[in-house]
C-alpha atoms as a PDB file:
ATOM      1  CA  MET A   1     -13.673   9.102   0.830  1.00  0.00           C
ATOM      2  CA  VAL A   2     -14.846   6.556  -1.703  1.00  0.00           C
ATOM      3  CA  VAL A   3     -16.141   3.474   0.106  1.00  0.00           C
ATOM      4  CA  VAL A   4     -15.618   0.335  -1.929  1.00  0.00           C
ATOM      5  CA  ARG A   5     -18.161  -2.353  -1.201  1.00  0.00           C
ATOM      6  CA  PRO A   6     -17.074  -5.992  -1.387  1.00  0.00           C
ATOM      7  CA  GLY A   7     -17.991  -7.812  -4.559  1.00  0.00           C
ATOM      8  CA  GLY A   8     -16.212  -8.178  -7.851  1.00  0.00           C
ATOM      9  CA  LEU A   9     -12.547  -7.726  -8.662  1.00  0.00           C
ATOM     10  CA  ALA A  10     -10.680  -4.529  -7.938  1.00  0.00           C
ATOM     11  CA  LEU A  11      -7.427  -5.647  -9.538  1.00  0.00           C
ATOM     12  CA  GLU A  12      -6.116  -8.521 -11.648  1.00  0.00           C
ATOM     13  CA  VAL A  13      -2.466  -9.235 -12.391  1.00  0.00           C
ATOM     14  CA  LYS A  14      -1.709 -11.662 -15.206  1.00  0.00           C
ATOM     15  CA  ASN A  15       1.747 -13.014 -16.031  1.00  0.00           C
ATOM     16  CA  LEU A  16       3.465  -9.855 -14.836  1.00  0.00           C
ATOM     17  CA  GLY A  17       7.178  -9.622 -15.493  1.00  0.00           C
ATOM     18  CA  PHE A  18       9.786  -6.887 -15.109  1.00  0.00           C
ATOM     19  CA  SER A  19      13.537  -6.482 -15.582  1.00  0.00           C
ATOM     20  CA  TYR A  20      15.731  -3.426 -15.148  1.00  0.00           C
ATOM     21  CA  PRO A  21      17.732  -2.523 -18.271  1.00  0.00           C
ATOM     22  CA  HIS A  22      20.524  -5.045 -18.875  1.00  0.00           C
ATOM     23  CA  GLY A  23      19.641  -6.829 -15.635  1.00  0.00           C
ATOM     24  CA  PRO A  24      18.133 -10.172 -14.647  1.00  0.00           C
ATOM     25  CA  PRO A  25      14.369 -10.525 -14.153  1.00  0.00           C
ATOM     26  CA  VAL A  26      13.045  -8.894 -10.987  1.00  0.00           C
ATOM     27  CA  LEU A  27       9.478 -10.197 -11.384  1.00  0.00           C
ATOM     28  CA  VAL A  28       8.652 -13.406 -13.227  1.00  0.00           C
ATOM     29  CA  ASP A  29       5.162 -14.475 -14.342  1.00  0.00           C
ATOM     30  CA  ILE A  30       3.239 -13.005 -11.377  1.00  0.00           C
ATOM     31  CA  SER A  31      -0.515 -13.629 -11.390  1.00  0.00           C
ATOM     32  CA  PHE A  32      -3.063 -12.866  -8.660  1.00  0.00           C
ATOM     33  CA  SER A  33      -6.326 -11.019  -8.089  1.00  0.00           C
ATOM     34  CA  VAL A  34      -7.685  -8.690  -5.424  1.00  0.00           C
ATOM     35  CA  ALA A  35     -11.388  -8.511  -4.626  1.00  0.00           C
ATOM     36  CA  GLN A  36     -13.055  -5.185  -3.936  1.00  0.00           C
ATOM     37  CA  GLY A  37     -12.719  -4.341  -0.264  1.00  0.00           C
ATOM     38  CA  GLU A  38     -10.081  -7.039   0.319  1.00  0.00           C
ATOM     39  CA  THR A  39      -6.761  -6.561   2.112  1.00  0.00           C
ATOM     40  CA  VAL A  40      -3.923  -8.454   0.429  1.00  0.00           C
ATOM     41  CA  VAL A  41      -0.512  -8.645   2.087  1.00  0.00           C
ATOM     42  CA  VAL A  42       2.583  -9.356  -0.004  1.00  0.00           C
ATOM     43  CA  LEU A  43       5.391 -10.959   2.005  1.00  0.00           C
ATOM     44  CA  GLY A  44       8.918 -11.925   1.071  1.00  0.00           C
ATOM     45  CA  PRO A  45      12.599 -11.459   1.963  1.00  0.00           C
ATOM     46  CA  ASN A  46      14.728  -8.523   0.845  1.00  0.00           C
ATOM     47  CA  GLY A  47      15.092  -8.520  -2.923  1.00  0.00           C
ATOM     48  CA  ALA A  48      11.938 -10.560  -3.461  1.00  0.00           C
ATOM     49  CA  GLY A  49      10.431  -7.876  -5.706  1.00  0.00           C
ATOM     50  CA  LYS A  50       7.768  -6.450  -3.381  1.00  0.00           C
ATOM     51  CA  SER A  51       8.554  -2.770  -3.929  1.00  0.00           C
ATOM     52  CA  THR A  52       9.004  -3.288  -7.657  1.00  0.00           C
ATOM     53  CA  LEU A  53       5.591  -4.959  -7.794  1.00  0.00           C
ATOM     54  CA  CYS A  54       3.993  -1.936  -6.116  1.00  0.00           C
ATOM     55  CA  LEU A  55       5.452   0.382  -8.754  1.00  0.00           C
ATOM     56  CA  CYS A  56       4.435  -1.915 -11.601  1.00  0.00           C
ATOM     57  CA  LEU A  57       0.827  -1.923 -10.404  1.00  0.00           C
ATOM     58  CA  LEU A  58       0.679   1.821 -11.011  1.00  0.00           C
ATOM     59  CA  GLY A  59       2.479   1.650 -14.327  1.00  0.00           C
ATOM     60  CA  ILE A  60       5.468   3.577 -12.972  1.00  0.00           C
ATOM     61  CA  PHE A  61       7.650   0.699 -14.168  1.00  0.00           C
ATOM     62  CA  PRO A  62       6.728  -0.648 -17.634  1.00  0.00           C
ATOM     63  CA  ALA A  63       6.080  -4.287 -16.873  1.00  0.00           C
ATOM     64  CA  ARG A  64       5.217  -7.132 -19.212  1.00  0.00           C
ATOM     65  CA  GLY A  65       1.902  -8.915 -18.817  1.00  0.00           C
ATOM     66  CA  GLU A  66      -1.389  -7.383 -17.745  1.00  0.00           C
ATOM     67  CA  VAL A  67      -2.585  -5.216 -14.870  1.00  0.00           C
ATOM     68  CA  ILE A  68      -6.361  -4.736 -14.912  1.00  0.00           C
ATOM     69  CA  VAL A  69      -7.961  -2.248 -12.516  1.00  0.00           C
ATOM     70  CA  PHE A  70     -11.747  -2.389 -12.171  1.00  0.00           C
ATOM     71  CA  GLY A  71     -11.921  -4.041 -15.585  1.00  0.00           C
ATOM     72  CA  GLN A  72      -9.665  -1.518 -17.343  1.00  0.00           C
ATOM     73  CA  GLN A  73      -6.275  -2.661 -18.598  1.00  0.00           C
ATOM     74  CA  LEU A  74      -3.286  -0.557 -17.601  1.00  0.00           C
ATOM     75  CA  SER A  75      -1.463   0.939 -20.595  1.00  0.00           C
ATOM     76  CA  ARG A  76       0.229   4.189 -21.531  1.00  0.00           C
ATOM     77  CA  LYS A  77      -3.129   5.542 -22.662  1.00  0.00           C
ATOM     78  CA  THR A  78      -5.013   4.525 -19.522  1.00  0.00           C
ATOM     79  CA  ALA A  79      -2.267   5.021 -16.899  1.00  0.00           C
ATOM     80  CA  ARG A  80      -3.329   8.494 -15.818  1.00  0.00           C
ATOM     81  CA  GLN A  81      -6.977   7.539 -15.432  1.00  0.00           C
ATOM     82  CA  ILE A  82      -6.135   4.343 -13.561  1.00  0.00           C
ATOM     83  CA  ARG A  83      -3.703   6.108 -11.234  1.00  0.00           C
ATOM     84  CA  SER A  84      -6.523   8.425 -10.199  1.00  0.00           C
ATOM     85  CA  ARG A  85      -8.171   5.363  -8.639  1.00  0.00           C
ATOM     86  CA  LEU A  86      -5.056   4.101  -6.833  1.00  0.00           C
ATOM     87  CA  GLY A  87      -2.844   5.604  -4.168  1.00  0.00           C
ATOM     88  CA  LEU A  88       0.705   4.587  -3.211  1.00  0.00           C
ATOM     89  CA  VAL A  89       2.280   5.229   0.190  1.00  0.00           C
ATOM     90  CA  PHE A  90       6.059   4.858   0.002  1.00  0.00           C
ATOM     91  CA  GLN A  91       8.169   3.009   2.573  1.00  0.00           C
ATOM     92  CA  ASP A  92      10.154   6.136   3.418  1.00  0.00           C
ATOM     93  CA  PRO A  93       7.887   9.184   3.839  1.00  0.00           C
ATOM     94  CA  ASN A  94      10.852  11.432   3.007  1.00  0.00           C
ATOM     95  CA  ASP A  95      10.655  10.046  -0.552  1.00  0.00           C
ATOM     96  CA  GLN A  96       7.025  11.168  -0.770  1.00  0.00           C
ATOM     97  CA  LEU A  97       6.789  14.416   1.183  1.00  0.00           C
ATOM     98  CA  PHE A  98       8.465  17.401  -0.460  1.00  0.00           C
ATOM     99  CA  LEU A  99       6.647  20.557   0.670  1.00  0.00           C
ATOM    100  CA  PRO A 100       7.458  22.388   3.920  1.00  0.00           C
ATOM    101  CA  GLN A 101       4.133  22.416   5.745  1.00  0.00           C
ATOM    102  CA  VAL A 102       1.549  19.713   6.258  1.00  0.00           C
ATOM    103  CA  LYS A 103      -1.263  21.777   4.731  1.00  0.00           C
ATOM    104  CA  ASP A 104       0.820  22.443   1.606  1.00  0.00           C
ATOM    105  CA  GLU A 105       1.546  18.734   1.165  1.00  0.00           C
ATOM    106  CA  LEU A 106      -2.076  17.722   1.530  1.00  0.00           C
ATOM    107  CA  ALA A 107      -3.311  20.481  -0.777  1.00  0.00           C
ATOM    108  CA  PHE A 108      -0.845  19.723  -3.580  1.00  0.00           C
ATOM    109  CA  GLY A 109      -2.761  16.874  -5.240  1.00  0.00           C
ATOM    110  CA  PRO A 110      -6.230  18.416  -5.003  1.00  0.00           C
ATOM    111  CA  LEU A 111      -4.950  21.769  -6.329  1.00  0.00           C
ATOM    112  CA  ASN A 112      -3.466  19.973  -9.337  1.00  0.00           C
ATOM    113  CA  GLN A 113      -6.866  18.410  -9.925  1.00  0.00           C
ATOM    114  CA  GLY A 114      -8.601  21.773  -9.818  1.00  0.00           C
ATOM    115  CA  TRP A 115     -10.470  21.397  -6.532  1.00  0.00           C
ATOM    116  CA  PRO A 116     -11.857  24.655  -5.020  1.00  0.00           C
ATOM    117  CA  ARG A 117      -9.624  25.951  -2.216  1.00  0.00           C
ATOM    118  CA  GLU A 118     -12.505  26.006   0.272  1.00  0.00           C
ATOM    119  CA  GLU A 119     -13.242  22.333  -0.381  1.00  0.00           C
ATOM    120  CA  ILE A 120      -9.560  21.471  -0.015  1.00  0.00           C
ATOM    121  CA  ASP A 121      -9.311  23.210   3.360  1.00  0.00           C
ATOM    122  CA  LEU A 122     -12.352  21.334   4.668  1.00  0.00           C
ATOM    123  CA  LYS A 123     -10.972  18.038   3.368  1.00  0.00           C
ATOM    124  CA  ILE A 124      -7.588  18.649   5.005  1.00  0.00           C
ATOM    125  CA  LYS A 125      -9.234  19.151   8.387  1.00  0.00           C
ATOM    126  CA  GLU A 126     -11.358  16.020   7.888  1.00  0.00           C
ATOM    127  CA  ILE A 127      -8.399  13.817   6.926  1.00  0.00           C
ATOM    128  CA  LEU A 128      -6.171  15.104   9.740  1.00  0.00           C
ATOM    129  CA  THR A 129      -8.921  14.534  12.299  1.00  0.00           C
ATOM    130  CA  ARG A 130      -9.428  10.977  11.043  1.00  0.00           C
ATOM    131  CA  LEU A 131      -5.715  10.251  11.547  1.00  0.00           C
ATOM    132  CA  ASN A 132      -5.538  11.988  14.957  1.00  0.00           C
ATOM    133  CA  LEU A 133      -3.449  14.822  13.535  1.00  0.00           C
ATOM    134  CA  GLN A 134      -5.769  17.668  14.494  1.00  0.00           C
ATOM    135  CA  GLY A 135      -4.013  21.027  14.433  1.00  0.00           C
ATOM    136  CA  TYR A 136      -1.095  19.812  12.301  1.00  0.00           C
ATOM    137  CA  GLU A 137      -1.943  22.003   9.304  1.00  0.00           C
ATOM    138  CA  ASP A 138       0.812  24.558   9.948  1.00  0.00           C
ATOM    139  CA  LYS A 139       3.440  22.164  11.288  1.00  0.00           C
ATOM    140  CA  LEU A 140       6.734  21.811   9.452  1.00  0.00           C
ATOM    141  CA  ILE A 141       7.104  18.315   8.045  1.00  0.00           C
ATOM    142  CA  SER A 142      10.846  18.379   8.780  1.00  0.00           C
ATOM    143  CA  ARG A 143      10.023  18.611  12.504  1.00  0.00           C
ATOM    144  CA  LEU A 144       7.705  15.611  12.574  1.00  0.00           C
ATOM    145  CA  SER A 145       8.561  12.142  13.877  1.00  0.00           C
ATOM    146  CA  VAL A 146       8.745   9.189  11.500  1.00  0.00           C
ATOM    147  CA  GLY A 147       5.315   8.030  12.668  1.00  0.00           C
ATOM    148  CA  GLU A 148       3.812  11.468  12.097  1.00  0.00           C
ATOM    149  CA  LYS A 149       5.400  11.695   8.647  1.00  0.00           C
ATOM    150  CA  LYS A 150       3.961   8.286   7.762  1.00  0.00           C
ATOM    151  CA  LYS A 151       0.492   9.469   8.717  1.00  0.00           C
ATOM    152  CA  VAL A 152       0.894  12.680   6.722  1.00  0.00           C
ATOM    153  CA  ALA A 153       2.010  10.620   3.699  1.00  0.00           C
ATOM    154  CA  LEU A 154      -1.071   8.436   4.156  1.00  0.00           C
ATOM    155  CA  ALA A 155      -3.251  11.541   4.476  1.00  0.00           C
ATOM    156  CA  ALA A 156      -1.787  12.976   1.262  1.00  0.00           C
ATOM    157  CA  VAL A 157      -2.944   9.835  -0.539  1.00  0.00           C
ATOM    158  CA  LEU A 158      -6.332   9.528   1.166  1.00  0.00           C
ATOM    159  CA  ILE A 159      -7.320  13.123   0.428  1.00  0.00           C
ATOM    160  CA  LEU A 160      -7.499  12.202  -3.277  1.00  0.00           C
ATOM    161  CA  GLU A 161     -10.082   9.496  -2.469  1.00  0.00           C
ATOM    162  CA  PRO A 162      -8.470   6.427  -4.069  1.00  0.00           C
ATOM    163  CA  GLU A 163     -10.393   3.192  -4.359  1.00  0.00           C
ATOM    164  CA  ILE A 164      -7.271   1.048  -3.937  1.00  0.00           C
ATOM    165  CA  ILE A 165      -4.409   1.960  -1.628  1.00  0.00           C
ATOM    166  CA  ILE A 166      -0.975   0.357  -1.966  1.00  0.00           C
ATOM    167  CA  LEU A 167       1.438   0.574   0.959  1.00  0.00           C
ATOM    168  CA  ASP A 168       5.122  -0.358   0.869  1.00  0.00           C
ATOM    169  CA  GLU A 169       6.468  -1.381   4.308  1.00  0.00           C
ATOM    170  CA  PRO A 170       4.034   0.869   6.197  1.00  0.00           C
ATOM    171  CA  THR A 171       5.359  -0.020   9.674  1.00  0.00           C
ATOM    172  CA  ALA A 172       9.093   0.210   8.880  1.00  0.00           C
ATOM    173  CA  GLY A 173      10.910   2.483  11.329  1.00  0.00           C
ATOM    174  CA  LEU A 174       7.997   2.864  13.730  1.00  0.00           C
ATOM    175  CA  ASP A 175       8.193   2.328  17.477  1.00  0.00           C
ATOM    176  CA  TYR A 176       5.666   0.109  19.228  1.00  0.00           C
ATOM    177  CA  GLN A 177       3.006   2.757  19.908  1.00  0.00           C
ATOM    178  CA  SER A 178       3.358   4.431  16.504  1.00  0.00           C
ATOM    179  CA  ARG A 179       3.119   1.044  14.812  1.00  0.00           C
ATOM    180  CA  LYS A 180       0.015   0.142  16.819  1.00  0.00           C
ATOM    181  CA  ASN A 181      -1.644   3.459  15.958  1.00  0.00           C
ATOM    182  CA  PHE A 182      -0.769   3.184  12.272  1.00  0.00           C
ATOM    183  CA  ILE A 183      -2.156  -0.343  12.012  1.00  0.00           C
ATOM    184  CA  HIS A 184      -5.361   0.858  13.693  1.00  0.00           C
ATOM    185  CA  HIS A 185      -5.747   3.581  11.065  1.00  0.00           C
ATOM    186  CA  LEU A 186      -5.093   1.158   8.216  1.00  0.00           C
ATOM    187  CA  ASN A 187      -7.608  -1.303   9.596  1.00  0.00           C
ATOM    188  CA  SER A 188     -10.272   1.406   9.747  1.00  0.00           C
ATOM    189  CA  LEU A 189      -9.973   2.316   6.059  1.00  0.00           C
ATOM    190  CA  PRO A 190     -12.936   0.969   4.029  1.00  0.00           C
ATOM    191  CA  LEU A 191     -10.767   0.532   0.934  1.00  0.00           C
ATOM    192  CA  THR A 192      -9.149  -2.220  -1.070  1.00  0.00           C
ATOM    193  CA  LYS A 193      -5.610  -2.480   0.319  1.00  0.00           C
ATOM    194  CA  ILE A 194      -2.403  -4.054  -0.982  1.00  0.00           C
ATOM    195  CA  ILE A 195       0.368  -4.063   1.614  1.00  0.00           C
ATOM    196  CA  ALA A 196       3.958  -5.089   0.877  1.00  0.00           C
ATOM    197  CA  THR A 197       5.785  -5.807   4.121  1.00  0.00           C
ATOM    198  CA  HIS A 198       8.277  -7.821   6.163  1.00  0.00           C
ATOM    199  CA  ASP A 199       6.010  -7.395   9.190  1.00  0.00           C
ATOM    200  CA  LEU A 200       4.463 -10.790   9.808  1.00  0.00           C
ATOM    201  CA  GLU A 201       2.448  -9.532  12.766  1.00  0.00           C
ATOM    202  CA  LEU A 202       0.943  -6.849  10.534  1.00  0.00           C
ATOM    203  CA  ALA A 203       0.156  -9.537   7.971  1.00  0.00           C
ATOM    204  CA  TRP A 204      -1.686 -11.544  10.622  1.00  0.00           C
ATOM    205  CA  GLU A 205      -3.584  -8.520  11.957  1.00  0.00           C
ATOM    206  CA  LEU A 206      -4.728  -7.086   8.625  1.00  0.00           C
ATOM    207  CA  GLY A 207      -4.296  -9.644   5.865  1.00  0.00           C
ATOM    208  CA  GLU A 208      -7.215 -11.512   4.361  1.00  0.00           C
ATOM    209  CA  LYS A 209      -5.192 -12.929   1.481  1.00  0.00           C
ATOM    210  CA  ILE A 210      -1.440 -13.507   1.784  1.00  0.00           C
ATOM    211  CA  ILE A 211       0.993 -13.677  -1.130  1.00  0.00           C
ATOM    212  CA  ILE A 212       4.635 -14.741  -0.787  1.00  0.00           C
ATOM    213  CA  LEU A 213       7.216 -13.551  -3.292  1.00  0.00           C
ATOM    214  CA  ASN A 214      10.754 -14.911  -3.436  1.00  0.00           C
ATOM    215  CA  GLU A 215      13.369 -14.167  -6.065  1.00  0.00           C
ATOM    216  CA  GLY A 216      10.730 -12.399  -8.128  1.00  0.00           C
ATOM    217  CA  ARG A 217       8.327 -15.327  -8.251  1.00  0.00           C
ATOM    218  CA  LEU A 218       4.988 -15.885  -6.578  1.00  0.00           C
ATOM    219  CA  VAL A 219       5.610 -18.996  -4.503  1.00  0.00           C
ATOM    220  CA  ALA A 220       2.413 -19.146  -2.418  1.00  0.00           C
ATOM    221  CA  SER A 221      -0.989 -17.496  -2.189  1.00  0.00           C
ATOM    222  CA  GLY A 222      -3.955 -18.148   0.036  1.00  0.00           C
ATOM    223  CA  SER A 223      -5.932 -17.179   3.104  1.00  0.00           C
ATOM    224  CA  ARG A 224      -4.263 -15.781   6.195  1.00  0.00           C
ATOM    225  CA  GLU A 225      -4.565 -19.077   8.058  1.00  0.00           C
ATOM    226  CA  LYS A 226      -3.444 -21.206   5.116  1.00  0.00           C
ATOM    227  CA  ILE A 227      -0.220 -19.253   4.641  1.00  0.00           C
ATOM    228  CA  LEU A 228       0.712 -17.824   8.034  1.00  0.00           C
ATOM    229  CA  LEU A 229       0.126 -21.023   9.991  1.00  0.00           C
ATOM    230  CA  ASN A 230       2.249 -23.059   7.553  1.00  0.00           C
ATOM    231  CA  LYS A 231       5.546 -23.144   9.421  1.00  0.00           C
ATOM    232  CA  SER A 232       7.456 -25.178   6.843  1.00  0.00           C
ATOM    233  CA  LEU A 233       6.363 -22.897   4.002  1.00  0.00           C
ATOM    234  CA  LEU A 234       7.326 -19.745   5.884  1.00  0.00           C
ATOM    235  CA  GLN A 235      10.686 -21.107   7.028  1.00  0.00           C
ATOM    236  CA  ALA A 236      11.511 -22.161   3.477  1.00  0.00           C
ATOM    237  CA  HIS A 237      11.327 -18.486   2.569  1.00  0.00           C
ATOM    238  CA  GLY A 238      13.120 -17.006   5.561  1.00  0.00           C
ATOM    239  CA  MET A 239      10.100 -16.355   7.795  1.00  0.00           C
ATOM    240  CA  ASN A 240       8.322 -17.917  10.742  1.00  0.00           C
ATOM    241  CA  VAL A 241       4.780 -18.191  12.070  1.00  0.00           C
ATOM    242  CA  PRO A 242       3.751 -14.780  13.524  1.00  0.00           C
ATOM    243  CA  LEU A 243       3.700 -14.604  17.305  1.00  0.00           C
ATOM    244  CA  LEU A 244       0.082 -13.469  17.303  1.00  0.00           C
ATOM    245  CA  ALA A 245      -0.853 -16.541  15.265  1.00  0.00           C
ATOM    246  CA  ARG A 246       0.966 -18.820  17.704  1.00  0.00           C
ATOM    247  CA  LEU A 247      -0.860 -17.217  20.619  1.00  0.00           C
ATOM    248  CA  LYS A 248      -4.316 -17.285  19.004  1.00  0.00           C
ATOM    249  CA  ASP A 249      -5.353 -20.426  20.842  1.00  0.00           C
END
């Protein structure tokens, strides 16, 4: 895995905008930056534009404005190279996982990149061990729980050694123990992370910088304490102070 040391900018977003064909704006004039090694959490109600933002950051949706990744501007010409440095974990693992067995899913990306099979097999074992999925190589993905599928989806991204990982609602659909385990794994990753979520407790546990989107606009940005302890700000956008934050004292 590539370990990204803090220092410098990993990603800059400048005046980002996006609209679906013949539809109203979904994102309007979004600007923010992410430092190398930083964990940024994007909060907001349903329809705020969080998932759309994730897709725009990878150039999957052709947004207006600028997305700059490690100093390189995202464009049609640079998209493939930039995407090799980013990884996206979808909200629903069933939208991401499409091969029958775990080992096939994890090998798909590296095989497409021309990795030697022996190296791929070693990497699969390493990634599965890191996520406490030892012995899952031959398991059928269709038989896995939601939590297990989420970890396999994460593993399928991590095996390609991204420098920035983007996660869309990573704890959605997880029970208490699965959620706790997944957050532990996320927290242990020495990567730049961008997490779009409704989960305020997750935001408090992992977030270093918090961004709030509402109706496609960036309405607040700042440190974890500045944003998540601001009750009036959160309530104005359909949220409340996380329980863990209220109990911190």
